[in-house]
Amino acid sequence: MLRPTRTVLGALIGLFVAACAPSAAPSGEPSAQALASQAVAPAAPAPSIAASASSPAPRTLPAEAARAERGVFPEGVADTILKRGEPPRIQLDDPGREPREALVYALAPSTTQSVTMRMDLALSVAGESSPTTVQFPTMALTLALSTSSRDAVGGDALVEGTLREVRIEPRDERSRALAAPLERQLRALRGARLVYRMSPQGRARGLELTPATDAPTEAADLIARMKGSFESMVAPLPDAPIGLGARWTVISRTGGHADLVQWTTYTLRAREGSRFTVDTEVAQIAAGQTVAGGALPPGTEATIASFDARGSATTTLDLRGLLPERGQGSVDTSMTIRALGSLGETKTHVTIAFEPAH
């Protein structure tokens, strides 16, 4: 359940990068190195609320990767896999061992759950100037969800929730200097509310996400960038019966400033009653070289020269729950941007831990 881009962490990485972006070139124009740091926020994969990983990033890529060059598809190839705007496609790769059973989420009215997620980010930017590496302070986010009703037909559950708390926890004196500006920006997230319907197979529908009534005006943009995360807060389940060792893949197309095709492969590791554990591997390939406007300064043209994004996960969930119970995660991204006649490379390493909120 590593869902890069269009996720809460994708938006938050943008704030982290903004707090420590390389300075402009002496001419007053931003360097390719600086542009790379600004572009990584929308393009870098980051685990969603449902993601948690304990194993290293996977070294395997989907078969379709052979059609890409340096992690970027030629024009039109991505559309042969999944067109933009199409819903994610789920394919069952292996039904697993007997006995098999169709797994479904059974969310009773008045189900409640709160989880705290902690994220650590290391950012490295290289270009014509000296490489810059920054370890950011830990960000802690607490999300509280509850169900209020369930449809008689179809079994969809109405889910409501609040981003209850967002905290910045400095790791050392160097990260302490970044804590205050990050805290000021992230404060806008507190009290944000969401409402959506979740199907028995874990698909979210009709999600509405709004800032708190007293939130500053800039909160609306940040909240909007988080929406994709809440559309994938639990592992989507195949319709067919599965057993231990079952493997299924979700193919999705992410929007935002970088257009990416994503493969998320789940393997059912264990199950005991309603609780189950899945291993997850994620890989992304850029659908093209374009970096859309908004990721870079106005009037700046930039292209993706190379892209590599991979992660892995082991997550424990409950078919009667709304969020992962526990887990840890990591995602690694490397992206090279070509702009202003030079190259800038950005690498990120994100680790995540989930635990029940107190």
Protein backbone atom coordinates (compact mmCIF):
# COMPACT_ATOMS: atom_id res chain seq x y z
CA MET A 1 0.00 0.00 0.00
CA LEU A 2 2.64 2.40 -0.99
CA ARG A 3 0.78 4.91 -3.06
CA PRO A 4 3.21 7.53 -4.33
CA THR A 5 2.33 10.96 -5.66
CA ARG A 6 -1.11 12.53 -5.12
CA THR A 7 -0.70 11.45 -1.51
CA VAL A 8 -0.60 13.26 1.77
CA LEU A 9 3.13 12.66 1.92
CA GLY A 10 3.65 13.86 -1.62
CA ALA A 11 2.16 17.16 -0.54
CA LEU A 12 4.14 17.24 2.68
CA ILE A 13 7.42 16.49 0.92
CA GLY A 14 6.72 19.64 -1.09
CA LEU A 15 6.74 21.63 2.14
CA PHE A 16 9.91 19.91 3.31
CA VAL A 17 11.67 20.67 0.04
CA ALA A 18 10.49 24.29 0.10
CA ALA A 19 12.07 24.75 3.50
CA CYS A 20 15.50 23.82 2.18
CA ALA A 21 15.53 24.40 -1.57
CA PRO A 22 18.89 25.33 -3.12
CA SER A 23 19.28 29.02 -3.87
CA ALA A 24 19.04 30.59 -7.30
CA ALA A 25 21.99 30.88 -9.63
CA PRO A 26 24.02 34.12 -9.53
CA SER A 27 22.21 35.36 -12.64
CA GLY A 28 18.95 35.40 -10.70
CA GLU A 29 17.57 32.45 -12.67
CA PRO A 30 16.98 29.21 -10.79
CA SER A 31 19.56 26.52 -11.55
CA ALA A 32 18.67 23.04 -12.77
CA GLN A 33 19.69 21.86 -9.32
CA ALA A 34 17.15 24.18 -7.70
CA LEU A 35 14.48 23.21 -10.23
CA ALA A 36 15.05 19.54 -9.46
CA SER A 37 14.45 20.17 -5.78
CA GLN A 38 11.22 22.02 -6.56
CA ALA A 39 9.97 19.36 -8.96
CA VAL A 40 10.63 16.40 -6.71
CA ALA A 41 7.76 17.19 -4.40
CA PRO A 42 4.98 16.42 -6.89
CA ALA A 43 6.88 13.61 -8.57
CA ALA A 44 8.48 11.78 -5.68
CA PRO A 45 6.61 8.70 -4.51
CA ALA A 46 5.60 8.64 -0.90
CA PRO A 47 3.59 6.11 1.03
CA SER A 48 -0.08 6.84 1.54
CA ILE A 49 -1.97 6.51 4.78
CA ALA A 50 -2.29 2.81 4.01
CA ALA A 51 1.40 2.24 3.40
CA SER A 52 3.94 0.72 5.73
CA ALA A 53 7.05 -1.18 4.81
CA SER A 54 9.72 -3.06 6.73
CA SER A 55 11.79 -4.48 3.87
CA PRO A 56 14.16 -2.64 1.50
CA ALA A 57 12.85 -1.11 -1.70
CA PRO A 58 12.28 -3.83 -4.31
CA ARG A 59 14.88 -4.45 -6.98
CA THR A 60 12.37 -5.82 -9.49
CA LEU A 61 10.38 -3.85 -12.05
CA PRO A 62 7.22 -4.75 -14.00
CA ALA A 63 7.68 -6.30 -17.45
CA GLU A 64 6.45 -3.05 -19.02
CA ALA A 65 9.60 -1.33 -17.74
CA ALA A 66 11.46 -2.78 -20.73
CA ARG A 67 9.56 -0.27 -22.90
CA ALA A 68 10.92 2.68 -20.89
CA GLU A 69 14.25 4.45 -21.24
CA ARG A 70 15.86 5.48 -17.94
CA GLY A 71 12.52 5.12 -16.21
CA VAL A 72 10.59 7.27 -18.72
CA PHE A 73 8.10 5.94 -21.29
CA PRO A 74 8.21 7.24 -24.87
CA GLU A 75 5.23 9.33 -25.91
CA GLY A 76 1.98 7.31 -26.04
CA VAL A 77 3.28 4.09 -24.45
CA ALA A 78 1.71 4.78 -21.05
CA ASP A 79 -1.74 5.06 -22.66
CA THR A 80 -1.44 1.48 -23.90
CA ILE A 81 -1.10 0.39 -20.26
CA LEU A 82 -3.67 2.68 -18.62
CA LYS A 83 -5.07 5.96 -19.88
CA ARG A 84 -5.18 9.05 -17.68
CA GLY A 85 -8.48 9.32 -15.86
CA GLU A 86 -9.21 5.61 -16.04
CA PRO A 87 -9.85 3.86 -12.71
CA PRO A 88 -7.12 1.60 -11.32
CA ARG A 89 -7.11 -1.92 -12.72
CA ILE A 90 -6.75 -4.90 -10.38
CA GLN A 91 -5.40 -8.19 -11.71
CA LEU A 92 -5.10 -11.42 -9.72
CA ASP A 93 -1.65 -12.87 -10.41
CA ASP A 94 -1.88 -15.92 -8.12
CA PRO A 95 -4.91 -17.03 -6.04
CA GLY A 96 -2.66 -18.58 -3.39
CA ARG A 97 -3.00 -21.84 -1.51
CA GLU A 98 -6.16 -23.59 -0.39
CA PRO A 99 -8.32 -22.91 1.53
CA ARG A 100 -9.35 -19.78 -0.33
CA GLU A 101 -11.95 -17.19 0.58
CA ALA A 102 -13.13 -13.88 -0.84
CA LEU A 103 -11.96 -11.20 1.60
CA VAL A 104 -14.19 -8.17 2.17
CA TYR A 105 -14.14 -5.26 4.58
CA ALA A 106 -17.06 -5.44 7.02
CA LEU A 107 -17.32 -2.01 8.62
CA ALA A 108 -20.11 -1.81 11.15
CA PRO A 109 -21.75 1.55 11.99
CA SER A 110 -19.92 3.42 14.77
CA THR A 111 -16.57 1.78 13.94
CA THR A 112 -13.80 4.14 15.06
CA GLN A 113 -10.03 4.07 14.65
CA SER A 114 -7.15 6.51 15.15
CA VAL A 115 -3.60 6.05 13.89
CA THR A 116 -0.45 8.12 14.22
CA MET A 117 2.00 8.11 11.32
CA ARG A 118 5.59 9.30 11.67
CA MET A 119 7.65 10.18 8.62
CA ASP A 120 11.36 10.88 8.23
CA LEU A 121 12.74 12.36 5.02
CA ALA A 122 16.31 12.57 3.75
CA LEU A 123 16.78 14.77 0.66
CA SER A 124 19.84 14.97 -1.56
CA VAL A 125 20.15 17.45 -4.44
CA ALA A 126 23.07 17.54 -6.88
CA GLY A 127 23.84 19.65 -9.93
CA GLU A 128 26.43 22.15 -11.06
CA SER A 129 26.99 23.37 -7.51
CA SER A 130 28.04 21.29 -4.52
CA PRO A 131 25.65 18.47 -3.55
CA THR A 132 23.27 19.25 -0.71
CA THR A 133 21.97 16.63 1.71
CA VAL A 134 19.40 17.39 4.40
CA GLN A 135 17.78 15.21 7.07
CA PHE A 136 14.46 16.78 7.95
CA PRO A 137 12.74 16.63 11.34
CA THR A 138 10.20 13.89 11.96
CA MET A 139 6.63 14.72 10.98
CA ALA A 140 3.87 13.07 13.05
CA LEU A 141 0.27 13.06 11.78
CA THR A 142 -2.72 11.65 13.66
CA LEU A 143 -5.85 10.69 11.72
CA ALA A 144 -9.16 9.73 13.37
CA LEU A 145 -11.88 7.97 11.31
CA SER A 146 -15.35 6.62 12.06
CA THR A 147 -18.29 5.07 10.21
CA SER A 148 -21.83 6.38 10.61
CA SER A 149 -23.87 4.14 8.28
CA ARG A 150 -23.71 1.30 5.76
CA ASP A 151 -25.63 0.99 2.50
CA ALA A 152 -28.19 -1.80 2.42
CA VAL A 153 -27.35 -2.41 -1.24
CA GLY A 154 -23.70 -2.91 -2.09
CA GLY A 155 -22.49 -2.67 1.50
CA ASP A 156 -20.61 0.64 1.11
CA ALA A 157 -19.74 2.27 4.43
CA LEU A 158 -19.95 6.04 5.01
CA VAL A 159 -16.65 7.13 6.54
CA GLU A 160 -15.95 10.47 8.22
CA GLY A 161 -12.69 11.65 9.68
CA THR A 162 -10.47 14.43 10.95
CA LEU A 163 -6.76 15.18 10.75
CA ARG A 164 -6.57 15.54 14.48
CA GLU A 165 -2.96 16.54 14.96
CA VAL A 166 0.20 17.38 13.01
CA ARG A 167 3.49 17.71 14.87
CA ILE A 168 7.12 18.38 13.97
CA GLU A 169 9.68 16.52 16.08
CA PRO A 170 13.31 17.66 15.58
CA ARG A 171 15.86 14.83 15.41
CA ASP A 172 18.92 16.97 16.15
CA GLU A 173 20.08 20.58 16.23
CA ARG A 174 20.33 20.79 12.44
CA SER A 175 16.75 19.63 11.89
CA ARG A 176 15.58 21.88 14.74
CA ALA A 177 16.32 24.91 12.55
CA LEU A 178 13.81 23.59 9.98
CA ALA A 179 11.14 22.74 12.54
CA ALA A 180 9.63 26.21 12.97
CA PRO A 181 8.93 26.99 9.26
CA LEU A 182 7.56 23.49 8.72
CA GLU A 183 5.35 23.76 11.78
CA ARG A 184 3.89 27.04 10.52
CA GLN A 185 2.98 25.51 7.16
CA LEU A 186 1.69 22.20 8.46
CA ARG A 187 -0.49 23.92 11.04
CA ALA A 188 -2.97 24.51 8.20
CA LEU A 189 -3.71 20.78 8.08
CA ARG A 190 -5.05 20.50 11.60
CA GLY A 191 -8.79 19.97 11.74
CA ALA A 192 -9.18 19.11 8.06
CA ARG A 193 -12.25 16.89 7.56
CA LEU A 194 -12.98 14.14 5.06
CA VAL A 195 -16.07 12.17 4.05
CA TYR A 196 -16.23 9.25 1.62
CA ARG A 197 -17.81 5.87 0.99
CA MET A 198 -15.75 2.69 1.08
CA SER A 199 -16.81 -0.49 -0.71
CA PRO A 200 -16.35 -3.96 0.77
CA GLN A 201 -13.36 -4.38 -1.60
CA GLY A 202 -11.63 -1.27 -0.21
CA ARG A 203 -12.43 1.21 -3.00
CA ALA A 204 -13.13 4.79 -1.88
CA ARG A 205 -15.85 6.74 -3.67
CA GLY A 206 -17.09 10.32 -3.61
CA LEU A 207 -14.36 11.63 -1.34
CA GLU A 208 -14.76 15.19 -0.06
CA LEU A 209 -11.86 16.81 1.78
CA THR A 210 -12.18 20.27 3.33
CA PRO A 211 -9.95 22.44 5.54
CA ALA A 212 -11.00 23.39 9.06
CA THR A 213 -13.27 26.44 9.22
CA ASP A 214 -10.51 28.55 10.79
CA ALA A 215 -7.74 27.32 8.47
CA PRO A 216 -5.72 29.91 6.49
CA THR A 217 -6.50 30.34 2.79
CA GLU A 218 -3.35 28.49 1.68
CA ALA A 219 -4.65 25.35 3.40
CA ALA A 220 -7.06 24.65 0.53
CA ASP A 221 -4.24 23.92 -1.96
CA LEU A 222 -2.38 21.65 0.45
CA ILE A 223 -5.58 19.79 1.34
CA ALA A 224 -6.40 19.30 -2.35
CA ARG A 225 -2.99 17.72 -2.96
CA MET A 226 -3.69 15.22 -0.18
CA LYS A 227 -6.92 13.91 -1.67
CA GLY A 228 -5.41 10.96 -3.51
CA SER A 229 -4.01 9.59 -0.28
CA PHE A 230 -7.41 9.23 1.32
CA GLU A 231 -8.75 7.43 -1.73
CA SER A 232 -6.40 4.53 -0.97
CA MET A 233 -6.16 4.22 2.78
CA VAL A 234 -6.58 0.44 2.90
CA ALA A 235 -5.43 -2.41 0.68
CA PRO A 236 -7.81 -2.93 -2.26
CA LEU A 237 -8.92 -6.55 -2.38
CA PRO A 238 -9.56 -8.75 -5.44
CA ASP A 239 -13.08 -10.04 -6.03
CA ALA A 240 -11.97 -13.67 -6.39
CA PRO A 241 -11.34 -16.03 -3.45
CA ILE A 242 -7.71 -15.98 -2.25
CA GLY A 243 -5.53 -17.91 0.17
CA LEU A 244 -2.12 -17.54 1.78
CA GLY A 245 0.49 -16.59 -0.78
CA ALA A 246 -2.08 -14.93 -3.07
CA ARG A 247 -0.67 -12.10 -5.17
CA TRP A 248 -2.53 -9.32 -6.94
CA THR A 249 -1.45 -6.12 -8.70
CA VAL A 250 -3.12 -2.73 -8.89
CA ILE A 251 -2.14 -0.66 -11.94
CA SER A 252 -2.88 3.04 -11.59
CA ARG A 253 -2.10 6.33 -13.30
CA THR A 254 -1.24 9.23 -11.04
CA GLY A 255 -1.78 12.85 -11.92
CA GLY A 256 -0.22 16.01 -10.59
CA HIS A 257 2.89 17.76 -11.90
CA ALA A 258 4.43 14.47 -13.05
CA ASP A 259 2.39 11.86 -14.90
CA LEU A 260 3.33 8.41 -13.56
CA VAL A 261 2.22 4.82 -14.10
CA GLN A 262 2.29 2.79 -10.91
CA TRP A 263 2.30 -0.93 -10.15
CA THR A 264 1.38 -1.96 -6.61
CA THR A 265 1.71 -5.68 -5.96
CA TYR A 266 0.24 -7.24 -2.81
CA THR A 267 1.04 -10.67 -1.38
CA LEU A 268 -1.09 -12.18 1.39
CA ARG A 269 1.47 -13.18 4.00
CA ALA A 270 -0.74 -14.18 6.96
CA ARG A 271 -4.32 -14.21 8.14
CA GLU A 272 -5.94 -14.87 11.50
CA GLY A 273 -9.67 -14.29 11.67
CA SER A 274 -10.40 -10.76 10.43
CA ARG A 275 -6.78 -9.64 10.72
CA PHE A 276 -4.42 -10.09 7.78
CA THR A 277 -0.91 -9.09 6.74
CA VAL A 278 0.20 -8.20 3.23
CA ASP A 279 3.62 -7.59 1.72
CA THR A 280 3.59 -4.80 -0.85
CA GLU A 281 5.97 -3.77 -3.61
CA VAL A 282 5.58 -0.58 -5.60
CA ALA A 283 7.28 0.66 -8.76
CA GLN A 284 6.63 3.78 -10.81
CA ILE A 285 7.62 4.80 -14.34
CA ALA A 286 7.20 8.30 -15.72
CA ALA A 287 4.52 8.41 -18.44
CA GLY A 288 6.51 11.04 -20.32
CA GLN A 289 9.20 13.67 -19.94
CA THR A 290 6.92 16.61 -19.22
CA VAL A 291 6.98 18.42 -15.88
CA ALA A 292 3.65 20.26 -15.68
CA GLY A 293 3.29 23.91 -14.77
CA GLY A 294 3.03 24.68 -11.09
CA ALA A 295 5.94 22.45 -10.11
CA LEU A 296 8.42 25.00 -11.45
CA PRO A 297 8.69 28.80 -11.65
CA PRO A 298 6.45 30.44 -14.30
CA GLY A 299 7.93 30.41 -17.78
CA THR A 300 10.45 27.68 -16.97
CA GLU A 301 10.59 24.64 -19.23
CA ALA A 302 11.94 21.41 -17.82
CA THR A 303 11.86 17.72 -18.70
CA ILE A 304 12.45 14.49 -16.82
CA ALA A 305 15.73 12.95 -17.98
CA SER A 306 15.51 9.92 -15.69
CA PHE A 307 13.18 8.59 -13.01
CA ASP A 308 13.31 5.68 -10.55
CA ALA A 309 10.83 5.12 -7.73
CA ARG A 310 10.45 1.92 -5.73
CA GLY A 311 9.19 0.89 -2.33
CA SER A 312 8.15 -2.14 -0.34
CA ALA A 313 5.74 -2.82 2.50
CA THR A 314 4.50 -5.19 5.15
CA THR A 315 1.21 -4.04 6.62
CA THR A 316 -1.20 -5.49 9.16
CA LEU A 317 -4.87 -4.58 8.75
CA ASP A 318 -8.24 -5.69 10.05
CA LEU A 319 -11.24 -6.36 7.80
CA ARG A 320 -13.28 -4.58 10.48
CA GLY A 321 -10.96 -1.56 10.55
CA LEU A 322 -10.49 1.66 8.64
CA LEU A 323 -6.70 2.08 8.78
CA PRO A 324 -3.55 -0.03 9.07
CA GLU A 325 -2.94 -1.23 12.62
CA ARG A 326 0.86 -1.11 12.64
CA GLY A 327 3.81 -1.02 10.27
CA GLN A 328 6.97 0.63 9.07
CA GLY A 329 7.84 1.85 5.63
CA SER A 330 10.43 3.07 3.18
CA VAL A 331 10.42 4.50 -0.34
CA ASP A 332 13.37 5.59 -2.48
CA THR A 333 13.16 8.00 -5.40
CA SER A 334 15.73 9.33 -7.84
CA MET A 335 14.86 11.91 -10.50
CA THR A 336 16.97 13.95 -12.90
CA ILE A 337 15.54 17.17 -14.35
CA ARG A 338 16.90 18.82 -17.50
CA ALA A 339 16.46 22.60 -17.56
CA LEU A 340 18.34 25.73 -18.57
CA GLY A 341 20.93 23.65 -20.41
CA SER A 342 21.98 21.60 -17.41
CA LEU A 343 20.90 18.68 -15.22
CA GLY A 344 19.79 18.58 -11.61
CA GLU A 345 19.32 15.34 -9.67
CA THR A 346 17.21 14.83 -6.57
CA LYS A 347 17.07 11.74 -4.39
CA THR A 348 14.72 11.14 -1.49
CA HIS A 349 14.58 8.41 1.11
CA VAL A 350 11.37 8.30 3.14
CA THR A 351 10.73 6.05 6.13
CA ILE A 352 7.37 5.69 7.83
CA ALA A 353 6.05 4.11 11.02
CA PHE A 354 2.40 3.55 11.98
CA GLU A 355 1.00 2.92 15.46
CA PRO A 356 -2.35 3.25 17.22
CA ALA A 357 -2.95 6.82 18.42
CA HIS A 358 -3.14 7.33 22.17
